[in-house]
PDB file of N, CA and C in Angstrom:
ATOM      1  N   MET A   1      22.288 -64.474 -36.294  1.00  0.00           N
ATOM      2  CA  MET A   1      22.487 -62.953 -35.714  1.00  0.00           C
ATOM      3  C   MET A   1      22.993 -63.417 -34.358  1.00  0.00           C
ATOM      4  N   ASP A   2      24.768 -62.855 -33.477  1.00  0.00           N
ATOM      5  CA  ASP A   2      24.792 -62.405 -32.315  1.00  0.00           C
ATOM      6  C   ASP A   2      23.914 -62.086 -31.378  1.00  0.00           C
ATOM      7  N   GLU A   3      24.003 -63.409 -30.135  1.00  0.00           N
ATOM      8  CA  GLU A   3      23.143 -62.597 -29.050  1.00  0.00           C
ATOM      9  C   GLU A   3      23.765 -61.853 -28.699  1.00  0.00           C
ATOM     10  N   GLY A   4      24.502 -61.175 -28.683  1.00  0.00           N
ATOM     11  CA  GLY A   4      24.360 -59.834 -27.877  1.00  0.00           C
ATOM     12  C   GLY A   4      24.023 -58.657 -28.311  1.00  0.00           C
ATOM     13  N   PHE A   5      23.341 -58.580 -29.311  1.00  0.00           N
ATOM     14  CA  PHE A   5      22.291 -58.296 -30.095  1.00  0.00           C
ATOM     15  C   PHE A   5      21.559 -57.708 -29.205  1.00  0.00           C
ATOM     16  N   LYS A   6      20.829 -56.231 -29.108  1.00  0.00           N
ATOM     17  CA  LYS A   6      19.273 -56.203 -28.283  1.00  0.00           C
ATOM     18  C   LYS A   6      18.255 -56.194 -29.392  1.00  0.00           C
ATOM     19  N   GLY A   7      18.550 -55.759 -30.969  1.00  0.00           N
ATOM     20  CA  GLY A   7      17.158 -55.400 -31.994  1.00  0.00           C
ATOM     21  C   GLY A   7      16.845 -54.099 -32.336  1.00  0.00           C
ATOM     22  N   ILE A   8      16.128 -54.190 -32.111  1.00  0.00           N
ATOM     23  CA  ILE A   8      15.609 -52.911 -31.768  1.00  0.00           C
ATOM     24  C   ILE A   8      13.806 -52.984 -32.111  1.00  0.00           C
ATOM     25  N   THR A   9      13.279 -51.830 -31.303  1.00  0.00           N
ATOM     26  CA  THR A   9      12.218 -51.944 -30.636  1.00  0.00           C
ATOM     27  C   THR A   9      11.677 -50.867 -31.428  1.00  0.00           C
ATOM     28  N   LEU A  10       9.774 -51.892 -31.076  1.00  0.00           N
ATOM     29  CA  LEU A  10       8.886 -50.498 -31.812  1.00  0.00           C
ATOM     30  C   LEU A  10       7.719 -50.651 -30.678  1.00  0.00           C
ATOM     31  N   THR A  11       7.292 -49.091 -30.366  1.00  0.00           N
ATOM     32  CA  THR A  11       6.330 -48.623 -29.153  1.00  0.00           C
ATOM     33  C   THR A  11       4.640 -49.317 -30.105  1.00  0.00           C
ATOM     34  N   GLU A  12       3.823 -49.254 -29.587  1.00  0.00           N
ATOM     35  CA  GLU A  12       3.023 -49.390 -29.383  1.00  0.00           C
ATOM     36  C   GLU A  12       1.720 -48.221 -30.643  1.00  0.00           C
ATOM     37  N   LEU A  13       2.461 -47.109 -30.137  1.00  0.00           N
ATOM     38  CA  LEU A  13       1.980 -46.063 -31.148  1.00  0.00           C
ATOM     39  C   LEU A  13       3.216 -45.878 -31.952  1.00  0.00           C
ATOM     40  N   ALA A  14       3.786 -46.118 -32.287  1.00  0.00           N
ATOM     41  CA  ALA A  14       4.297 -46.448 -33.844  1.00  0.00           C
ATOM     42  C   ALA A  14       3.321 -47.009 -34.893  1.00  0.00           C
ATOM     43  N   ALA A  15       3.439 -48.648 -34.140  1.00  0.00           N
ATOM     44  CA  ALA A  15       3.251 -49.864 -34.210  1.00  0.00           C
ATOM     45  C   ALA A  15       1.803 -49.350 -35.263  1.00  0.00           C
ATOM     46  N   GLU A  16       0.719 -48.071 -35.043  1.00  0.00           N
ATOM     47  CA  GLU A  16      -0.237 -47.704 -34.620  1.00  0.00           C
ATOM     48  C   GLU A  16       0.069 -47.042 -35.759  1.00  0.00           C
ATOM     49  N   LYS A  17       1.096 -46.051 -35.865  1.00  0.00           N
ATOM     50  CA  LYS A  17       0.650 -45.355 -37.326  1.00  0.00           C
ATOM     51  C   LYS A  17       1.454 -46.428 -38.586  1.00  0.00           C
ATOM     52  N   VAL A  18       2.280 -47.462 -38.339  1.00  0.00           N
ATOM     53  CA  VAL A  18       2.859 -48.728 -39.112  1.00  0.00           C
ATOM     54  C   VAL A  18       1.796 -49.369 -40.346  1.00  0.00           C
ATOM     55  N   HIS A  19       1.455 -49.067 -39.714  1.00  0.00           N
ATOM     56  CA  HIS A  19      -0.072 -49.612 -39.527  1.00  0.00           C
ATOM     57  C   HIS A  19      -1.181 -49.359 -40.423  1.00  0.00           C
ATOM     58  N   GLY A  20      -1.727 -48.656 -40.119  1.00  0.00           N
ATOM     59  CA  GLY A  20      -2.264 -47.445 -41.297  1.00  0.00           C
ATOM     60  C   GLY A  20      -1.605 -47.367 -41.914  1.00  0.00           C
ATOM     61  N   MET A  21      -0.113 -46.833 -41.791  1.00  0.00           N
ATOM     62  CA  MET A  21       0.346 -46.831 -43.455  1.00  0.00           C
ATOM     63  C   MET A  21       0.481 -47.877 -44.449  1.00  0.00           C
ATOM     64  N   LEU A  22       0.633 -48.792 -44.592  1.00  0.00           N
ATOM     65  CA  LEU A  22       0.587 -49.781 -45.092  1.00  0.00           C
ATOM     66  C   LEU A  22      -0.219 -50.675 -45.239  1.00  0.00           C
ATOM     67  N   ALA A  23      -1.880 -50.693 -44.555  1.00  0.00           N
ATOM     68  CA  ALA A  23      -2.989 -50.154 -44.880  1.00  0.00           C
ATOM     69  C   ALA A  23      -3.863 -49.431 -46.230  1.00  0.00           C
ATOM     70  N   LYS A  24      -3.315 -48.169 -45.699  1.00  0.00           N
ATOM     71  CA  LYS A  24      -3.402 -46.915 -47.165  1.00  0.00           C
ATOM     72  C   LYS A  24      -2.522 -47.545 -48.532  1.00  0.00           C
ATOM     73  N   ARG A  25      -0.929 -48.611 -48.515  1.00  0.00           N
ATOM     74  CA  ARG A  25      -0.366 -48.259 -49.432  1.00  0.00           C
ATOM     75  C   ARG A  25      -1.179 -49.452 -50.396  1.00  0.00           C
ATOM     76  N   GLY A  26      -2.527 -50.581 -48.776  1.00  0.00           N
ATOM     77  CA  GLY A  26      -2.674 -51.750 -49.465  1.00  0.00           C
ATOM     78  C   GLY A  26      -2.385 -52.769 -49.557  1.00  0.00           C
ATOM     79  N   THR A  27      -0.500 -52.686 -48.961  1.00  0.00           N
ATOM     80  CA  THR A  27      -0.175 -53.968 -48.493  1.00  0.00           C
ATOM     81  C   THR A  27       0.111 -54.431 -46.707  1.00  0.00           C
ATOM     82  N   PRO A  28      -1.187 -54.550 -45.837  1.00  0.00           N
ATOM     83  CA  PRO A  28      -0.971 -54.687 -44.517  1.00  0.00           C
ATOM     84  C   PRO A  28      -0.092 -55.728 -43.879  1.00  0.00           C
ATOM     85  N   ASN A  29       0.212 -56.377 -45.277  1.00  0.00           N
ATOM     86  CA  ASN A  29       1.221 -57.608 -44.745  1.00  0.00           C
ATOM     87  C   ASN A  29       2.735 -57.448 -44.691  1.00  0.00           C
ATOM     88  N   ALA A  30       2.665 -56.362 -45.519  1.00  0.00           N
ATOM     89  CA  ALA A  30       4.150 -55.919 -45.766  1.00  0.00           C
ATOM     90  C   ALA A  30       5.542 -55.798 -44.785  1.00  0.00           C
ATOM     91  N   ALA A  31       6.481 -55.730 -44.542  1.00  0.00           N
ATOM     92  CA  ALA A  31       7.529 -55.415 -43.658  1.00  0.00           C
ATOM     93  C   ALA A  31       7.816 -53.574 -43.592  1.00  0.00           C
ATOM     94  N   VAL A  32       8.492 -53.408 -42.753  1.00  0.00           N
ATOM     95  CA  VAL A  32       9.020 -52.061 -43.105  1.00  0.00           C
ATOM     96  C   VAL A  32      10.340 -51.959 -42.633  1.00  0.00           C
ATOM     97  N   ARG A  33      11.546 -51.789 -43.599  1.00  0.00           N
ATOM     98  CA  ARG A  33      13.055 -51.305 -43.369  1.00  0.00           C
ATOM     99  C   ARG A  33      13.414 -49.812 -42.995  1.00  0.00           C
ATOM    100  N   LEU A  34      14.250 -50.932 -42.057  1.00  0.00           N
ATOM    101  CA  LEU A  34      14.527 -49.308 -41.082  1.00  0.00           C
ATOM    102  C   LEU A  34      16.205 -49.338 -41.319  1.00  0.00           C
ATOM    103  N   GLY A  35      16.948 -48.158 -41.554  1.00  0.00           N
ATOM    104  CA  GLY A  35      18.598 -48.260 -42.306  1.00  0.00           C
ATOM    105  C   GLY A  35      19.056 -46.943 -41.914  1.00  0.00           C
ATOM    106  N   VAL A  36      20.330 -46.702 -41.985  1.00  0.00           N
ATOM    107  CA  VAL A  36      20.667 -45.777 -42.210  1.00  0.00           C
ATOM    108  C   VAL A  36      22.209 -45.712 -43.180  1.00  0.00           C
ATOM    109  N   THR A  37      22.159 -44.059 -43.603  1.00  0.00           N
ATOM    110  CA  THR A  37      22.406 -43.840 -45.146  1.00  0.00           C
ATOM    111  C   THR A  37      23.291 -42.697 -44.679  1.00  0.00           C
ATOM    112  N   SER A  38      24.066 -42.040 -45.288  1.00  0.00           N
ATOM    113  CA  SER A  38      25.208 -41.347 -45.073  1.00  0.00           C
ATOM    114  C   SER A  38      24.664 -40.032 -45.718  1.00  0.00           C
ATOM    115  N   SER A  39      24.144 -39.361 -44.349  1.00  0.00           N
ATOM    116  CA  SER A  39      23.399 -37.665 -45.047  1.00  0.00           C
ATOM    117  C   SER A  39      23.262 -36.808 -43.605  1.00  0.00           C
ATOM    118  N   GLY A  40      23.141 -35.380 -44.704  1.00  0.00           N
ATOM    119  CA  GLY A  40      23.414 -34.122 -43.217  1.00  0.00           C
ATOM    120  C   GLY A  40      24.781 -33.428 -42.812  1.00  0.00           C
ATOM    121  N   CYS A  41      24.141 -33.181 -41.503  1.00  0.00           N
ATOM    122  CA  CYS A  41      25.379 -32.528 -41.379  1.00  0.00           C
ATOM    123  C   CYS A  41      26.043 -32.911 -40.197  1.00  0.00           C
ATOM    124  N   SER A  42      25.726 -34.333 -39.904  1.00  0.00           N
ATOM    125  CA  SER A  42      26.073 -35.275 -38.777  1.00  0.00           C
ATOM    126  C   SER A  42      26.617 -36.010 -38.879  1.00  0.00           C
ATOM    127  N   GLY A  43      26.478 -36.687 -40.817  1.00  0.00           N
ATOM    128  CA  GLY A  43      26.744 -37.789 -41.215  1.00  0.00           C
ATOM    129  C   GLY A  43      25.762 -39.123 -41.458  1.00  0.00           C
ATOM    130  N   LEU A  44      25.379 -39.000 -40.388  1.00  0.00           N
ATOM    131  CA  LEU A  44      23.652 -40.186 -40.654  1.00  0.00           C
ATOM    132  C   LEU A  44      22.749 -40.255 -40.935  1.00  0.00           C
ATOM    133  N   SER A  45      21.277 -40.909 -41.214  1.00  0.00           N
ATOM    134  CA  SER A  45      20.173 -40.001 -41.239  1.00  0.00           C
ATOM    135  C   SER A  45      19.672 -41.229 -41.033  1.00  0.00           C
ATOM    136  N   TYR A  46      18.421 -41.392 -40.702  1.00  0.00           N
ATOM    137  CA  TYR A  46      17.417 -43.062 -40.703  1.00  0.00           C
ATOM    138  C   TYR A  46      17.135 -42.990 -42.448  1.00  0.00           C
ATOM    139  N   LYS A  47      16.788 -44.097 -42.472  1.00  0.00           N
ATOM    140  CA  LYS A  47      15.434 -43.953 -43.857  1.00  0.00           C
ATOM    141  C   LYS A  47      14.614 -45.051 -43.289  1.00  0.00           C
ATOM    142  N   LEU A  48      13.423 -44.909 -43.402  1.00  0.00           N
ATOM    143  CA  LEU A  48      12.251 -45.517 -43.163  1.00  0.00           C
ATOM    144  C   LEU A  48      11.714 -46.027 -44.842  1.00  0.00           C
ATOM    145  N   GLU A  49      11.888 -47.797 -45.577  1.00  0.00           N
ATOM    146  CA  GLU A  49      10.983 -47.299 -46.311  1.00  0.00           C
ATOM    147  C   GLU A  49      10.523 -48.890 -45.918  1.00  0.00           C
ATOM    148  N   TYR A  50       9.125 -49.129 -47.452  1.00  0.00           N
ATOM    149  CA  TYR A  50       8.986 -49.985 -48.208  1.00  0.00           C
ATOM    150  C   TYR A  50       9.538 -51.024 -47.398  1.00  0.00           C
ATOM    151  N   ALA A  51       8.906 -52.556 -47.478  1.00  0.00           N
ATOM    152  CA  ALA A  51      10.030 -53.865 -48.254  1.00  0.00           C
ATOM    153  C   ALA A  51       8.978 -54.647 -47.791  1.00  0.00           C
ATOM    154  N   ASP A  52       8.639 -54.855 -49.749  1.00  0.00           N
ATOM    155  CA  ASP A  52       8.032 -55.919 -50.101  1.00  0.00           C
ATOM    156  C   ASP A  52       9.036 -57.134 -50.177  1.00  0.00           C
ATOM    157  N   GLN A  53      10.077 -56.793 -50.481  1.00  0.00           N
ATOM    158  CA  GLN A  53      11.045 -58.558 -50.482  1.00  0.00           C
ATOM    159  C   GLN A  53      12.051 -58.161 -49.479  1.00  0.00           C
ATOM    160  N   LEU A  54      12.544 -59.791 -48.621  1.00  0.00           N
ATOM    161  CA  LEU A  54      13.673 -59.466 -48.153  1.00  0.00           C
ATOM    162  C   LEU A  54      14.799 -59.827 -48.389  1.00  0.00           C
ATOM    163  N   GLU A  55      16.160 -59.393 -48.180  1.00  0.00           N
ATOM    164  CA  GLU A  55      17.442 -59.945 -48.611  1.00  0.00           C
ATOM    165  C   GLU A  55      17.177 -60.921 -47.486  1.00  0.00           C
ATOM    166  N   GLU A  56      18.480 -61.808 -48.446  1.00  0.00           N
ATOM    167  CA  GLU A  56      19.248 -62.720 -47.612  1.00  0.00           C
ATOM    168  C   GLU A  56      19.848 -62.320 -45.754  1.00  0.00           C
ATOM    169  N   SER A  57      20.687 -61.170 -46.222  1.00  0.00           N
ATOM    170  CA  SER A  57      21.288 -60.750 -44.658  1.00  0.00           C
ATOM    171  C   SER A  57      19.955 -59.849 -43.725  1.00  0.00           C
ATOM    172  N   ASP A  58      18.562 -59.664 -43.911  1.00  0.00           N
ATOM    173  CA  ASP A  58      18.578 -58.970 -43.677  1.00  0.00           C
ATOM    174  C   ASP A  58      17.744 -59.587 -42.543  1.00  0.00           C
ATOM    175  N   LYS A  59      17.841 -58.994 -41.063  1.00  0.00           N
ATOM    176  CA  LYS A  59      17.157 -59.297 -39.926  1.00  0.00           C
ATOM    177  C   LYS A  59      15.326 -58.616 -40.137  1.00  0.00           C
ATOM    178  N   VAL A  60      14.943 -59.543 -39.206  1.00  0.00           N
ATOM    179  CA  VAL A  60      13.136 -59.322 -39.335  1.00  0.00           C
ATOM    180  C   VAL A  60      13.410 -59.549 -37.582  1.00  0.00           C
ATOM    181  N   PHE A  61      12.817 -58.057 -37.090  1.00  0.00           N
ATOM    182  CA  PHE A  61      12.481 -57.858 -35.833  1.00  0.00           C
ATOM    183  C   PHE A  61      10.382 -58.136 -36.401  1.00  0.00           C
ATOM    184  N   GLU A  62       9.920 -58.108 -35.332  1.00  0.00           N
ATOM    185  CA  GLU A  62       8.144 -57.915 -35.362  1.00  0.00           C
ATOM    186  C   GLU A  62       7.980 -57.782 -33.852  1.00  0.00           C
ATOM    187  N   GLN A  63       7.202 -57.249 -33.724  1.00  0.00           N
ATOM    188  CA  GLN A  63       6.219 -56.094 -32.384  1.00  0.00           C
ATOM    189  C   GLN A  63       5.065 -55.490 -33.113  1.00  0.00           C
ATOM    190  N   HIS A  64       4.510 -56.575 -31.640  1.00  0.00           N
ATOM    191  CA  HIS A  64       2.919 -54.998 -31.780  1.00  0.00           C
ATOM    192  C   HIS A  64       1.764 -55.732 -33.829  1.00  0.00           C
ATOM    193  N   GLY A  65       1.986 -56.912 -34.022  1.00  0.00           N
ATOM    194  CA  GLY A  65       2.234 -57.895 -35.046  1.00  0.00           C
ATOM    195  C   GLY A  65       2.972 -56.333 -36.690  1.00  0.00           C
ATOM    196  N   VAL A  66       4.337 -56.122 -36.473  1.00  0.00           N
ATOM    197  CA  VAL A  66       5.071 -55.095 -36.894  1.00  0.00           C
ATOM    198  C   VAL A  66       5.776 -55.792 -38.082  1.00  0.00           C
ATOM    199  N   ARG A  67       6.318 -55.988 -38.896  1.00  0.00           N
ATOM    200  CA  ARG A  67       8.090 -56.922 -38.947  1.00  0.00           C
ATOM    201  C   ARG A  67       8.642 -55.381 -39.902  1.00  0.00           C
ATOM    202  N   LEU A  68       9.260 -55.295 -39.018  1.00  0.00           N
ATOM    203  CA  LEU A  68      10.834 -54.227 -39.097  1.00  0.00           C
ATOM    204  C   LEU A  68      12.294 -55.038 -39.806  1.00  0.00           C
ATOM    205  N   VAL A  69      12.306 -54.195 -40.688  1.00  0.00           N
ATOM    206  CA  VAL A  69      13.725 -55.519 -41.382  1.00  0.00           C
ATOM    207  C   VAL A  69      15.138 -54.247 -41.281  1.00  0.00           C
ATOM    208  N   ILE A  70      16.181 -54.694 -40.807  1.00  0.00           N
ATOM    209  CA  ILE A  70      17.244 -54.341 -40.521  1.00  0.00           C
ATOM    210  C   ILE A  70      18.242 -54.921 -41.502  1.00  0.00           C
ATOM    211  N   ASP A  71      19.755 -54.323 -42.106  1.00  0.00           N
ATOM    212  CA  ASP A  71      20.308 -55.051 -43.148  1.00  0.00           C
ATOM    213  C   ASP A  71      21.824 -55.454 -41.330  1.00  0.00           C
ATOM    214  N   GLU A  72      22.305 -56.178 -41.898  1.00  0.00           N
ATOM    215  CA  GLU A  72      23.126 -55.727 -40.439  1.00  0.00           C
ATOM    216  C   GLU A  72      24.036 -54.928 -40.982  1.00  0.00           C
ATOM    217  N   LYS A  73      24.651 -54.442 -42.300  1.00  0.00           N
ATOM    218  CA  LYS A  73      25.826 -52.900 -41.501  1.00  0.00           C
ATOM    219  C   LYS A  73      24.733 -52.043 -40.994  1.00  0.00           C
ATOM    220  N   SER A  74      23.167 -51.984 -41.283  1.00  0.00           N
ATOM    221  CA  SER A  74      22.251 -50.315 -40.029  1.00  0.00           C
ATOM    222  C   SER A  74      22.658 -51.061 -38.371  1.00  0.00           C
ATOM    223  N   LEU A  75      23.020 -52.759 -39.271  1.00  0.00           N
ATOM    224  CA  LEU A  75      21.883 -52.695 -37.754  1.00  0.00           C
ATOM    225  C   LEU A  75      22.946 -52.408 -36.635  1.00  0.00           C
ATOM    226  N   LEU A  76      24.043 -52.364 -37.237  1.00  0.00           N
ATOM    227  CA  LEU A  76      25.793 -52.184 -36.336  1.00  0.00           C
ATOM    228  C   LEU A  76      25.119 -51.100 -35.439  1.00  0.00           C
ATOM    229  N   THR A  77      24.823 -49.888 -35.861  1.00  0.00           N
ATOM    230  CA  THR A  77      24.354 -48.099 -36.190  1.00  0.00           C
ATOM    231  C   THR A  77      23.806 -48.272 -35.007  1.00  0.00           C
ATOM    232  N   MET A  78      21.991 -49.675 -35.264  1.00  0.00           N
ATOM    233  CA  MET A  78      21.156 -49.819 -35.271  1.00  0.00           C
ATOM    234  C   MET A  78      20.791 -50.100 -33.040  1.00  0.00           C
ATOM    235  N   ASP A  79      21.522 -50.950 -33.090  1.00  0.00           N
ATOM    236  CA  ASP A  79      20.952 -51.651 -32.252  1.00  0.00           C
ATOM    237  C   ASP A  79      21.478 -50.805 -31.484  1.00  0.00           C
ATOM    238  N   GLY A  80      19.620 -51.865 -30.412  1.00  0.00           N
ATOM    239  CA  GLY A  80      19.062 -51.061 -29.165  1.00  0.00           C
ATOM    240  C   GLY A  80      18.177 -49.880 -29.746  1.00  0.00           C
ATOM    241  N   THR A  81      17.954 -49.582 -30.383  1.00  0.00           N
ATOM    242  CA  THR A  81      17.568 -48.059 -30.888  1.00  0.00           C
ATOM    243  C   THR A  81      15.811 -48.145 -30.908  1.00  0.00           C
ATOM    244  N   GLN A  82      15.103 -47.140 -30.098  1.00  0.00           N
ATOM    245  CA  GLN A  82      13.484 -47.349 -30.334  1.00  0.00           C
ATOM    246  C   GLN A  82      13.003 -46.905 -31.162  1.00  0.00           C
ATOM    247  N   MET A  83      11.562 -47.255 -31.925  1.00  0.00           N
ATOM    248  CA  MET A  83      11.274 -46.330 -32.637  1.00  0.00           C
ATOM    249  C   MET A  83       9.919 -46.263 -31.915  1.00  0.00           C
ATOM    250  N   ASP A  84       9.580 -44.690 -32.149  1.00  0.00           N
ATOM    251  CA  ASP A  84       8.337 -44.053 -31.656  1.00  0.00           C
ATOM    252  C   ASP A  84       8.219 -42.892 -33.000  1.00  0.00           C
ATOM    253  N   PHE A  85       6.575 -42.965 -31.663  1.00  0.00           N
ATOM    254  CA  PHE A  85       5.454 -42.134 -33.409  1.00  0.00           C
ATOM    255  C   PHE A  85       5.870 -40.608 -32.280  1.00  0.00           C
ATOM    256  N   GLU A  86       5.776 -39.317 -32.852  1.00  0.00           N
ATOM    257  CA  GLU A  86       5.601 -37.990 -31.695  1.00  0.00           C
ATOM    258  C   GLU A  86       5.164 -36.749 -32.339  1.00  0.00           C
ATOM    259  N   THR A  87       3.767 -36.579 -32.103  1.00  0.00           N
ATOM    260  CA  THR A  87       3.519 -35.603 -32.287  1.00  0.00           C
ATOM    261  C   THR A  87       3.533 -34.477 -32.031  1.00  0.00           C
ATOM    262  N   LYS A  88       4.063 -32.947 -32.296  1.00  0.00           N
ATOM    263  CA  LYS A  88       4.802 -31.819 -31.689  1.00  0.00           C
ATOM    264  C   LYS A  88       3.482 -31.154 -33.135  1.00  0.00           C
ATOM    265  N   GLN A  89       3.831 -30.133 -31.870  1.00  0.00           N
ATOM    266  CA  GLN A  89       2.821 -28.605 -32.536  1.00  0.00           C
ATOM    267  C   GLN A  89       3.137 -28.417 -34.197  1.00  0.00           C
ATOM    268  N   PHE A  90       4.409 -28.451 -34.336  1.00  0.00           N
ATOM    269  CA  PHE A  90       4.010 -28.215 -36.194  1.00  0.00           C
ATOM    270  C   PHE A  90       5.165 -29.115 -37.225  1.00  0.00           C
ATOM    271  N   LYS A  91       4.957 -30.580 -36.773  1.00  0.00           N
ATOM    272  CA  LYS A  91       6.020 -31.527 -37.007  1.00  0.00           C
ATOM    273  C   LYS A  91       5.617 -32.848 -35.886  1.00  0.00           C
ATOM    274  N   SER A  92       5.107 -33.871 -37.035  1.00  0.00           N
ATOM    275  CA  SER A  92       4.307 -35.051 -36.233  1.00  0.00           C
ATOM    276  C   SER A  92       4.991 -36.104 -37.228  1.00  0.00           C
ATOM    277  N   GLY A  93       5.781 -37.019 -36.525  1.00  0.00           N
ATOM    278  CA  GLY A  93       7.054 -38.083 -37.934  1.00  0.00           C
ATOM    279  C   GLY A  93       7.016 -39.458 -36.075  1.00  0.00           C
ATOM    280  N   PHE A  94       8.272 -40.060 -36.792  1.00  0.00           N
ATOM    281  CA  PHE A  94       8.655 -41.258 -36.096  1.00  0.00           C
ATOM    282  C   PHE A  94       9.800 -40.457 -36.196  1.00  0.00           C
ATOM    283  N   LYS A  95      10.393 -40.916 -34.167  1.00  0.00           N
ATOM    284  CA  LYS A  95      11.433 -40.849 -33.320  1.00  0.00           C
ATOM    285  C   LYS A  95      11.522 -41.573 -32.800  1.00  0.00           C
ATOM    286  N   PHE A  96      13.322 -41.291 -32.921  1.00  0.00           N
ATOM    287  CA  PHE A  96      14.499 -42.932 -32.575  1.00  0.00           C
ATOM    288  C   PHE A  96      15.159 -42.522 -31.605  1.00  0.00           C
ATOM    289  N   THR A  97      14.996 -42.894 -30.705  1.00  0.00           N
ATOM    290  CA  THR A  97      16.019 -42.735 -29.761  1.00  0.00           C
ATOM    291  C   THR A  97      17.245 -44.446 -30.378  1.00  0.00           C
ATOM    292  N   ASN A  98      18.086 -43.472 -30.104  1.00  0.00           N
ATOM    293  CA  ASN A  98      19.282 -44.793 -29.895  1.00  0.00           C
ATOM    294  C   ASN A  98      20.638 -44.658 -29.038  1.00  0.00           C
ATOM    295  N   PRO A  99      20.664 -45.826 -28.550  1.00  0.00           N
ATOM    296  CA  PRO A  99      21.308 -45.421 -27.599  1.00  0.00           C
ATOM    297  C   PRO A  99      22.881 -45.423 -27.808  1.00  0.00           C
ATOM    298  N   LYS A 100      23.123 -45.333 -29.093  1.00  0.00           N
ATOM    299  CA  LYS A 100      24.883 -45.660 -29.730  1.00  0.00           C
ATOM    300  C   LYS A 100      25.337 -43.781 -30.566  1.00  0.00           C
ATOM    301  N   MET A 101      23.517 -43.351 -30.483  1.00  0.00           N
ATOM    302  CA  MET A 101      23.628 -41.901 -30.914  1.00  0.00           C
ATOM    303  C   MET A 101      25.181 -41.147 -29.738  1.00  0.00           C
ATOM    304  N   LYS A 102      25.828 -39.587 -30.275  1.00  0.00           N
ATOM    305  CA  LYS A 102      26.902 -39.321 -29.827  1.00  0.00           C
ATOM    306  C   LYS A 102      26.935 -37.786 -29.994  1.00  0.00           C
ATOM    307  N   GLU A 103      26.143 -37.997 -31.627  1.00  0.00           N
ATOM    308  CA  GLU A 103      25.846 -36.229 -31.429  1.00  0.00           C
ATOM    309  C   GLU A 103      25.321 -36.212 -32.151  1.00  0.00           C
ATOM    310  N   GLU A 104      23.618 -34.988 -32.243  1.00  0.00           N
ATOM    311  CA  GLU A 104      23.034 -35.221 -33.172  1.00  0.00           C
ATOM    312  C   GLU A 104      22.686 -33.108 -33.786  1.00  0.00           C
ATOM    313  N   CYS A 105      22.741 -33.235 -34.969  1.00  0.00           N
ATOM    314  CA  CYS A 105      22.737 -31.760 -35.707  1.00  0.00           C
ATOM    315  C   CYS A 105      21.582 -31.017 -35.075  1.00  0.00           C
ATOM    316  N   GLY A 106      21.554 -30.014 -35.148  1.00  0.00           N
ATOM    317  CA  GLY A 106      20.202 -29.333 -34.462  1.00  0.00           C
ATOM    318  C   GLY A 106      19.104 -29.298 -35.182  1.00  0.00           C
ATOM    319  N   CYS A 107      19.108 -29.665 -36.005  1.00  0.00           N
ATOM    320  CA  CYS A 107      17.827 -29.521 -37.403  1.00  0.00           C
ATOM    321  C   CYS A 107      17.065 -30.777 -36.595  1.00  0.00           C
ATOM    322  N   GLY A 108      18.014 -32.124 -35.752  1.00  0.00           N
ATOM    323  CA  GLY A 108      17.596 -33.219 -35.203  1.00  0.00           C
ATOM    324  C   GLY A 108      17.154 -34.697 -36.444  1.00  0.00           C
ATOM    325  N   GLU A 109      17.670 -33.809 -38.068  1.00  0.00           N
ATOM    326  CA  GLU A 109      17.487 -34.852 -38.872  1.00  0.00           C
ATOM    327  C   GLU A 109      19.197 -35.530 -39.600  1.00  0.00           C
ATOM    328  N   SER A 110      20.534 -35.489 -38.542  1.00  0.00           N
ATOM    329  CA  SER A 110      21.546 -36.312 -38.527  1.00  0.00           C
ATOM    330  C   SER A 110      22.173 -36.604 -37.585  1.00  0.00           C
ATOM    331  N   PHE A 111      22.922 -37.858 -37.574  1.00  0.00           N
ATOM    332  CA  PHE A 111      23.540 -37.801 -36.163  1.00  0.00           C
ATOM    333  C   PHE A 111      25.037 -38.479 -36.072  1.00  0.00           C
ATOM    334  N   LYS A 112      25.655 -38.241 -35.404  1.00  0.00           N
ATOM    335  CA  LYS A 112      26.814 -39.323 -34.922  1.00  0.00           C
ATOM    336  C   LYS A 112      26.506 -40.313 -34.095  1.00  0.00           C
ATOM    337  N   VAL A 113      27.242 -41.081 -34.358  1.00  0.00           N
ATOM    338  CA  VAL A 113      27.630 -42.815 -33.156  1.00  0.00           C
ATOM    339  C   VAL A 113      29.105 -42.827 -32.839  1.00  0.00           C
TER     340      VAL A 113
END
């Protein structure tokens, strides 16, 4: 990987939530795949899924005992992003702070870089 990449960071709270999800699923040693997909009113949305198998081009980042997997194409959009977990009154979930984001839609579900 290019040394100019910063990678993806994971807060301790997000790691706790991911550990819980993996344990509940019965695959505590699996990885979590992060990526972006075309959708939403602003063009891109984050996707988060289990990664039982790794692809040859995947980049792996490990923090707080959690392995995050991201494909090279998504890494171009997400490099430097921090994944956190937040709890609000009516909505809880993973939150991504992406330094490359230029715009976010009003509902917060999609973004532009």
